N, C-alpha and C. Protein backbone atom coordinates (compact mmCIF):
# COMPACT_ATOMS: atom_id res chain seq x y z
N MET A 1 0.79 -1.22 -0.24
CA MET A 1 -0.12 0.02 -0.18
C MET A 1 0.97 1.23 -0.16
N PRO A 2 0.79 2.11 -1.00
CA PRO A 2 1.52 3.29 -0.94
C PRO A 2 1.19 4.10 0.13
N ILE A 3 2.19 4.65 0.68
CA ILE A 3 2.27 5.78 1.70
C ILE A 3 0.91 6.92 1.64
N ASP A 4 0.79 7.33 0.51
CA ASP A 4 -0.48 8.31 0.58
C ASP A 4 -1.84 7.50 0.81
N ASN A 5 -2.08 6.47 0.27
CA ASN A 5 -3.08 5.58 0.51
C ASN A 5 -3.18 4.89 1.81
N LEU A 6 -2.25 5.05 2.82
CA LEU A 6 -2.11 4.34 3.99
C LEU A 6 -2.63 5.78 5.02
N ASP A 7 -1.96 6.94 4.43
CA ASP A 7 -2.27 7.99 5.23
C ASP A 7 -3.78 8.19 5.42
N LYS A 8 -4.36 8.02 4.00
CA LYS A 8 -5.88 8.14 3.94
C LYS A 8 -6.46 7.19 4.58
N TRP A 9 -6.24 6.07 4.88
CA TRP A 9 -6.72 4.96 5.31
C TRP A 9 -6.68 5.40 7.18
N VAL A 10 -5.62 5.62 7.44
CA VAL A 10 -5.38 6.44 8.84
C VAL A 10 -6.37 7.35 9.09
N GLU A 11 -6.55 8.15 8.36
CA GLU A 11 -7.36 9.38 8.60
C GLU A 11 -8.81 8.99 8.75
N LYS A 12 -9.00 8.21 7.61
CA LYS A 12 -10.34 7.71 7.77
C LYS A 12 -10.79 6.84 8.92
N ILE A 13 -9.93 5.98 9.34
CA ILE A 13 -10.11 5.43 10.78
C ILE A 13 -10.11 6.40 11.96
N GLN A 14 -9.39 7.10 11.91
CA GLN A 14 -9.47 7.98 12.99
C GLN A 14 -10.73 9.06 13.01
N LYS A 15 -11.05 9.23 12.01
CA LYS A 15 -12.45 9.92 11.86
C LYS A 15 -13.71 9.01 12.24
N GLU A 16 -13.74 7.69 11.91
CA GLU A 16 -14.65 6.91 12.43
C GLU A 16 -14.63 6.65 13.91
N ILE A 17 -13.37 6.53 14.50
CA ILE A 17 -13.09 6.52 16.05
C ILE A 17 -13.84 7.68 16.47
N ARG A 18 -13.38 8.93 16.15
CA ARG A 18 -13.87 10.10 16.77
C ARG A 18 -15.35 10.35 16.65
N GLU A 19 -15.91 9.77 15.72
CA GLU A 19 -17.45 9.81 15.53
C GLU A 19 -18.17 8.99 16.32
N GLU A 20 -17.60 7.79 16.48
CA GLU A 20 -18.05 6.67 17.59
C GLU A 20 -17.97 7.32 18.97
N GLU A 21 -16.90 7.77 19.04
CA GLU A 21 -16.57 8.53 20.81
C GLU A 21 -17.65 9.61 21.09
N ILE A 22 -18.19 10.21 20.10
CA ILE A 22 -18.92 11.35 20.04
C ILE A 22 -20.34 10.57 20.34
N LYS A 23 -20.60 9.66 19.50
CA LYS A 23 -21.96 9.06 19.77
C LYS A 23 -22.11 8.41 21.18
N ARG A 24 -20.98 8.08 21.82
CA ARG A 24 -20.85 7.72 23.12
C ARG A 24 -20.82 8.39 24.27
N TYR A 25 -20.17 9.57 24.06
CA TYR A 25 -20.15 10.43 24.88
C TYR A 25 -20.80 11.77 24.35
N ASN A 26 -19.92 12.84 24.16
CA ASN A 26 -20.16 14.12 23.65
C ASN A 26 -19.16 14.74 23.00
N LYS A 27 -19.05 15.85 22.30
CA LYS A 27 -18.18 16.45 21.75
C LYS A 27 -17.03 17.21 22.91
N TYR A 28 -17.71 17.46 23.70
CA TYR A 28 -16.91 18.19 24.80
C TYR A 28 -15.83 17.17 25.39
N ILE A 29 -16.43 15.97 25.75
CA ILE A 29 -15.58 14.96 26.42
C ILE A 29 -14.70 14.25 25.64
N VAL A 30 -15.11 14.33 24.23
CA VAL A 30 -14.32 13.91 23.38
C VAL A 30 -12.97 14.92 23.16
N LYS A 31 -13.00 16.05 23.06
CA LYS A 31 -12.32 17.10 22.99
C LYS A 31 -11.25 16.92 24.37
N LEU A 32 -11.78 17.04 25.57
CA LEU A 32 -11.17 16.76 26.78
C LEU A 32 -10.28 15.24 26.90
N LEU A 33 -10.74 14.48 26.25
CA LEU A 33 -10.03 13.01 26.23
C LEU A 33 -9.05 13.03 25.29
N GLN A 34 -9.04 14.10 24.17
CA GLN A 34 -7.96 13.93 23.12
C GLN A 34 -6.89 15.12 23.43
N ASN A 35 -7.22 16.07 24.45
CA ASN A 35 -6.11 17.16 24.77
C ASN A 35 -6.64 17.39 26.31
N PRO A 36 -6.23 16.80 27.12
CA PRO A 36 -6.97 16.89 28.54
C PRO A 36 -6.39 18.13 29.09
N LYS A 37 -6.77 18.83 30.01
CA LYS A 37 -6.22 20.13 30.53
C LYS A 37 -5.56 19.42 31.91
N ASN A 38 -4.30 20.19 32.40
CA ASN A 38 -3.76 19.76 33.48
C ASN A 38 -3.34 18.49 33.80
N TRP A 39 -3.06 17.68 32.60
CA TRP A 39 -2.59 16.59 32.78
C TRP A 39 -1.14 16.46 33.28
N GLY A 40 -0.79 15.50 33.83
CA GLY A 40 0.87 15.31 34.09
C GLY A 40 1.21 15.48 35.56
N LYS A 41 2.24 14.76 35.87
CA LYS A 41 2.56 14.90 37.33
C LYS A 41 3.88 15.99 37.31
N PRO A 42 3.46 17.33 38.11
CA PRO A 42 4.35 18.54 38.18
C PRO A 42 5.34 18.16 38.99
N LYS A 43 6.49 19.21 38.88
CA LYS A 43 7.67 18.96 39.61
C LYS A 43 7.59 18.85 41.29
N ASP A 44 8.22 18.03 41.73
CA ASP A 44 7.69 17.76 43.09
C ASP A 44 7.56 19.19 44.13
N GLU A 45 8.42 20.14 43.85
CA GLU A 45 8.56 21.45 44.44
C GLU A 45 7.06 22.01 44.12
N GLU A 46 6.39 21.67 42.93
CA GLU A 46 5.00 22.57 42.77
C GLU A 46 4.03 21.73 43.28
N VAL A 47 4.42 20.88 44.36
CA VAL A 47 2.96 19.96 44.70
C VAL A 47 3.08 19.95 46.23
N SER A 48 1.87 20.71 46.80
CA SER A 48 1.78 20.65 48.45
C SER A 48 1.31 19.28 48.87
N VAL A 49 0.49 18.58 48.02
CA VAL A 49 -0.09 17.29 48.18
C VAL A 49 -0.47 16.17 47.29
N TRP A 50 -0.37 15.02 47.10
CA TRP A 50 -0.95 14.29 46.21
C TRP A 50 -1.33 13.29 46.66
N HIS A 51 -2.56 12.55 45.97
CA HIS A 51 -3.25 11.22 46.47
C HIS A 51 -3.75 10.26 45.33
N ALA A 52 -3.46 9.02 45.47
CA ALA A 52 -3.80 8.16 44.74
C ALA A 52 -4.75 7.26 45.06
N TYR A 53 -5.60 6.84 44.08
CA TYR A 53 -7.19 6.25 44.26
C TYR A 53 -7.39 5.30 43.64
N GLU A 54 -7.86 4.14 43.52
CA GLU A 54 -8.33 3.24 42.47
C GLU A 54 -9.81 2.92 42.76
N GLY A 55 -10.37 3.29 41.61
CA GLY A 55 -11.94 3.14 41.59
C GLY A 55 -12.65 1.72 41.39
N SER A 56 -13.78 1.77 41.47
CA SER A 56 -14.47 0.27 41.70
C SER A 56 -14.26 -0.36 40.32
N CYS A 57 -13.84 0.33 39.27
CA CYS A 57 -13.70 -0.20 38.06
C CYS A 57 -12.41 -0.89 37.76
N GLY A 58 -11.43 -0.46 38.59
CA GLY A 58 -9.93 -0.73 38.59
C GLY A 58 -9.48 0.06 37.92
N ASP A 59 -9.77 1.47 37.54
CA ASP A 59 -8.99 2.75 36.96
C ASP A 59 -8.56 3.48 38.06
N THR A 60 -7.16 3.80 37.91
CA THR A 60 -6.65 4.52 39.07
C THR A 60 -6.47 6.08 38.59
N MET A 61 -6.43 6.92 39.56
CA MET A 61 -6.20 8.06 39.24
C MET A 61 -5.32 8.68 40.38
N GLN A 62 -4.59 9.81 40.18
CA GLN A 62 -3.72 10.59 41.02
C GLN A 62 -3.92 12.05 40.71
N PHE A 63 -4.13 12.85 41.98
CA PHE A 63 -4.61 14.13 41.81
C PHE A 63 -3.11 15.02 42.59
N PHE A 64 -2.65 16.18 42.08
CA PHE A 64 -1.41 16.50 42.45
C PHE A 64 -1.89 18.24 42.72
N LEU A 65 -2.02 18.77 43.90
CA LEU A 65 -2.39 19.82 44.35
C LEU A 65 -1.48 20.77 44.78
N LYS A 66 -1.20 21.97 44.40
CA LYS A 66 -0.56 23.34 45.00
C LYS A 66 -1.57 24.35 45.53
N ILE A 67 -1.30 24.03 47.05
CA ILE A 67 -2.39 24.87 47.72
C ILE A 67 -1.42 26.01 48.51
N LYS A 68 -2.04 26.92 48.50
CA LYS A 68 -1.39 28.37 49.32
C LYS A 68 -2.66 29.07 49.91
N GLU A 69 -2.39 29.25 51.10
CA GLU A 69 -3.35 29.77 52.20
C GLU A 69 -4.85 29.35 51.78
N GLY A 70 -4.99 28.27 51.72
CA GLY A 70 -6.35 27.80 51.63
C GLY A 70 -7.23 27.80 50.39
N ILE A 71 -6.05 28.20 49.13
CA ILE A 71 -6.72 28.31 47.83
C ILE A 71 -5.93 27.13 47.10
N ILE A 72 -6.35 26.44 46.14
CA ILE A 72 -5.95 25.54 45.12
C ILE A 72 -5.52 26.22 44.34
N GLU A 73 -4.04 26.62 43.99
CA GLU A 73 -3.34 27.40 42.89
C GLU A 73 -3.48 26.62 41.68
N LYS A 74 -3.07 25.31 41.80
CA LYS A 74 -2.95 24.60 40.55
C LYS A 74 -3.34 22.96 40.80
N ALA A 75 -3.62 22.41 40.09
CA ALA A 75 -4.39 21.15 40.13
C ALA A 75 -4.07 20.11 38.63
N ASN A 76 -3.39 19.19 39.12
CA ASN A 76 -2.92 18.16 38.00
C ASN A 76 -3.44 16.86 38.40
N PHE A 77 -3.61 15.92 37.36
CA PHE A 77 -3.94 14.55 37.73
C PHE A 77 -3.24 13.86 36.32
N ILE A 78 -3.25 12.44 36.62
CA ILE A 78 -2.98 11.32 35.88
C ILE A 78 -3.91 10.26 36.10
N THR A 79 -4.13 9.49 34.95
CA THR A 79 -4.99 8.31 35.06
C THR A 79 -4.60 7.38 34.22
N ASP A 80 -4.93 5.88 34.41
CA ASP A 80 -4.82 5.01 33.51
C ASP A 80 -6.24 4.31 33.06
N GLY A 81 -7.04 5.27 33.23
CA GLY A 81 -8.30 5.04 32.97
C GLY A 81 -8.90 5.26 31.32
N CYS A 82 -10.31 5.05 31.31
CA CYS A 82 -10.87 5.22 29.96
C CYS A 82 -10.98 6.64 29.63
N GLY A 83 -11.56 7.01 28.36
CA GLY A 83 -11.76 8.46 28.13
C GLY A 83 -12.50 9.27 29.04
N ALA A 84 -13.59 8.65 29.42
CA ALA A 84 -14.41 9.24 30.31
C ALA A 84 -13.71 9.55 31.64
N THR A 85 -12.62 8.62 32.24
CA THR A 85 -12.06 9.10 33.34
C THR A 85 -11.05 10.33 33.16
N VAL A 86 -10.40 10.22 31.74
CA VAL A 86 -9.63 11.41 31.52
C VAL A 86 -10.44 12.77 31.57
N ALA A 87 -11.59 12.39 30.99
CA ALA A 87 -12.38 13.87 30.63
C ALA A 87 -12.93 14.38 32.29
N ALA A 88 -13.29 13.49 32.94
CA ALA A 88 -13.69 13.96 34.49
C ALA A 88 -12.46 14.31 35.12
N GLY A 89 -11.62 13.56 35.22
CA GLY A 89 -10.23 14.15 35.73
C GLY A 89 -9.73 15.73 35.53
N SER A 90 -9.58 15.85 34.33
CA SER A 90 -9.60 17.07 33.87
C SER A 90 -10.55 18.00 34.02
N GLN A 91 -12.02 17.83 34.10
CA GLN A 91 -13.02 18.78 34.28
C GLN A 91 -12.75 18.77 35.72
N THR A 92 -12.50 18.11 36.64
CA THR A 92 -12.37 18.26 38.09
C THR A 92 -11.31 19.43 38.19
N THR A 93 -10.00 19.24 37.80
CA THR A 93 -8.98 20.13 37.97
C THR A 93 -9.42 21.40 37.44
N MET A 94 -10.20 21.45 36.74
CA MET A 94 -10.42 22.99 35.87
C MET A 94 -11.49 23.53 36.70
N MET A 95 -12.43 23.01 37.64
CA MET A 95 -13.33 23.37 38.28
C MET A 95 -12.78 23.82 39.71
N ILE A 96 -11.59 22.98 40.13
CA ILE A 96 -11.13 23.74 41.54
C ILE A 96 -9.85 24.53 41.76
N GLU A 97 -9.05 24.87 40.45
CA GLU A 97 -8.24 25.77 40.29
C GLU A 97 -8.86 26.97 40.97
N GLY A 98 -8.11 27.69 41.67
CA GLY A 98 -8.38 29.00 42.10
C GLY A 98 -9.24 29.03 43.09
N LYS A 99 -9.80 27.93 43.47
CA LYS A 99 -10.89 27.94 44.51
C LYS A 99 -10.63 27.67 45.95
N THR A 100 -11.15 27.69 47.10
CA THR A 100 -10.91 27.15 48.21
C THR A 100 -10.98 25.67 48.26
N LEU A 101 -10.36 25.21 49.45
CA LEU A 101 -10.61 23.83 49.95
C LEU A 101 -11.81 23.52 49.97
N GLU A 102 -12.57 24.33 50.86
CA GLU A 102 -13.85 24.33 51.00
C GLU A 102 -14.85 23.93 49.89
N PHE A 103 -14.71 25.00 48.88
CA PHE A 103 -15.39 24.68 47.60
C PHE A 103 -15.12 23.33 47.11
N ALA A 104 -13.91 22.93 47.09
CA ALA A 104 -13.37 21.71 46.63
C ALA A 104 -14.29 20.51 47.13
N GLU A 105 -14.29 20.88 48.55
CA GLU A 105 -14.74 19.64 49.47
C GLU A 105 -16.24 19.32 49.17
N LYS A 106 -16.75 20.39 48.70
CA LYS A 106 -18.48 20.39 48.48
C LYS A 106 -18.88 19.82 47.01
N LEU A 107 -17.92 19.70 46.00
CA LEU A 107 -17.88 19.19 44.94
C LEU A 107 -18.65 17.98 45.16
N LYS A 108 -19.56 17.35 44.08
CA LYS A 108 -20.45 15.86 43.92
C LYS A 108 -19.82 15.55 42.59
N PRO A 109 -19.64 14.19 42.29
CA PRO A 109 -19.53 13.86 41.27
C PRO A 109 -20.64 14.25 40.16
N ILE A 110 -21.77 14.60 40.45
CA ILE A 110 -23.01 15.07 39.41
C ILE A 110 -22.59 16.35 39.20
N ASP A 111 -21.53 17.21 39.65
CA ASP A 111 -21.11 18.45 39.35
C ASP A 111 -20.35 18.37 38.20
N VAL A 112 -19.63 17.27 38.49
CA VAL A 112 -18.58 16.92 36.97
C VAL A 112 -19.37 16.39 36.13
N GLU A 113 -20.37 15.70 36.21
CA GLU A 113 -20.91 14.80 35.07
C GLU A 113 -21.80 15.98 34.52
N ASN A 114 -22.57 17.07 35.50
CA ASN A 114 -23.26 18.27 34.70
C ASN A 114 -22.05 19.19 33.84
N ALA A 115 -21.08 19.34 34.40
CA ALA A 115 -20.23 19.96 33.57
C ALA A 115 -19.69 19.52 32.39
N LEU A 116 -19.64 18.18 32.29
CA LEU A 116 -19.13 17.49 31.15
C LEU A 116 -20.17 17.26 29.89
N GLY A 117 -21.36 17.80 30.49
CA GLY A 117 -22.62 17.54 29.69
C GLY A 117 -23.28 16.08 29.74
N GLY A 118 -22.92 15.29 31.01
CA GLY A 118 -23.47 14.22 31.03
C GLY A 118 -22.71 13.09 30.76
N LEU A 119 -22.77 11.96 31.39
CA LEU A 119 -21.89 10.59 31.00
C LEU A 119 -22.80 9.43 30.93
N PRO A 120 -22.52 8.60 30.03
CA PRO A 120 -23.29 7.41 29.83
C PRO A 120 -23.40 6.64 31.29
N ASP A 121 -24.58 5.99 31.61
CA ASP A 121 -24.77 5.39 32.80
C ASP A 121 -23.45 4.26 33.18
N ASP A 122 -22.96 3.69 32.02
CA ASP A 122 -22.09 2.57 32.74
C ASP A 122 -20.60 3.44 32.84
N HIS A 123 -20.62 4.89 32.85
CA HIS A 123 -19.20 5.64 32.85
C HIS A 123 -19.49 6.78 34.22
N LYS A 124 -20.61 6.62 34.93
CA LYS A 124 -20.91 7.90 35.97
C LYS A 124 -19.96 7.58 36.69
N HIS A 125 -19.42 6.36 37.14
CA HIS A 125 -18.38 6.17 38.21
C HIS A 125 -16.97 6.91 38.12
N CYS A 126 -17.06 7.40 36.60
CA CYS A 126 -15.60 8.05 36.56
C CYS A 126 -16.00 9.33 37.14
N ALA A 127 -16.56 10.12 37.14
CA ALA A 127 -16.64 11.30 37.99
C ALA A 127 -16.74 10.97 39.12
N GLU A 128 -17.36 9.94 39.87
CA GLU A 128 -17.05 9.57 41.25
C GLU A 128 -15.77 9.43 41.40
N LEU A 129 -14.82 8.83 40.64
CA LEU A 129 -13.38 8.45 40.92
C LEU A 129 -12.86 9.65 40.96
N ALA A 130 -13.16 10.70 40.09
CA ALA A 130 -12.14 11.89 40.05
C ALA A 130 -12.69 12.70 41.40
N ILE A 131 -13.89 12.72 41.65
CA ILE A 131 -13.93 13.70 43.13
C ILE A 131 -13.56 12.83 44.66
N LYS A 132 -13.57 11.51 44.54
CA LYS A 132 -13.12 11.08 45.45
C LYS A 132 -11.24 11.09 45.68
N THR A 133 -10.78 10.99 44.40
CA THR A 133 -9.43 11.17 44.39
C THR A 133 -9.22 12.67 44.87
N MET A 134 -9.77 13.54 44.30
CA MET A 134 -9.41 14.94 44.76
C MET A 134 -9.68 15.03 46.08
N THR A 135 -11.00 14.70 46.63
CA THR A 135 -11.35 15.09 47.98
C THR A 135 -10.30 14.39 48.99
N ARG A 136 -9.74 13.29 48.59
CA ARG A 136 -8.83 12.58 49.59
C ARG A 136 -7.59 13.54 49.82
N ALA A 137 -7.09 13.99 48.58
CA ALA A 137 -6.15 14.85 48.43
C ALA A 137 -6.26 16.12 49.34
N VAL A 138 -7.41 16.53 49.32
CA VAL A 138 -7.54 17.72 50.23
C VAL A 138 -7.76 17.43 51.46
N GLU A 139 -8.22 16.44 51.82
CA GLU A 139 -8.12 15.71 53.34
C GLU A 139 -6.76 15.72 53.87
N LYS A 140 -5.93 14.86 52.92
CA LYS A 140 -4.63 14.51 53.37
C LYS A 140 -3.86 15.88 53.59
N TYR A 141 -4.16 17.01 52.74
CA TYR A 141 -3.40 18.22 52.77
C TYR A 141 -3.77 18.61 54.08
N LYS A 142 -4.91 18.84 54.76
CA LYS A 142 -5.35 19.21 55.95
C LYS A 142 -4.72 18.56 57.07
N ILE A 143 -4.67 17.23 56.80
CA ILE A 143 -3.93 16.35 57.85
C ILE A 143 -2.54 17.02 58.05
N LEU A 144 -1.91 16.96 57.22
CA LEU A 144 -0.28 17.14 57.22
C LEU A 144 -0.23 18.67 57.27
N SER A 145 -1.08 19.60 57.17
CA SER A 145 -0.65 20.98 57.44
C SER A 145 -1.22 21.46 58.55
N SER A 146 -1.80 20.47 59.56
CA SER A 146 -2.30 21.08 61.01
C SER A 146 -1.30 20.70 61.99
């Protein structure tokens, strides 16, 4: 197969995959899973606290928070989960950056799900994983800083 034909075939397959993801989720979730915000572990000196958590489905997530005077200045995450888990982690970080610890602790999985425009029933646990991981990091920070 000539390279030109291979490139066209790959482009066609990628388009089909994207279309299936949009049917399964929505355009916003697909955008976040393809280009997640706040993805990755920051340098150690940029982290006040981090916490890892394993969800009921076996996906794991880690949150890294930079906190100063009760404000979450920066939030990062990593996960080995599916696209919905990536989107939920990304959305959660965006929702808590610049906010107080108290604000972050009050967030519920439904808040993340609503911000994402909804999740399929079999992926609602992804928002729960993101919130549990984040709130446990906040709790850990409070214990370490008291």
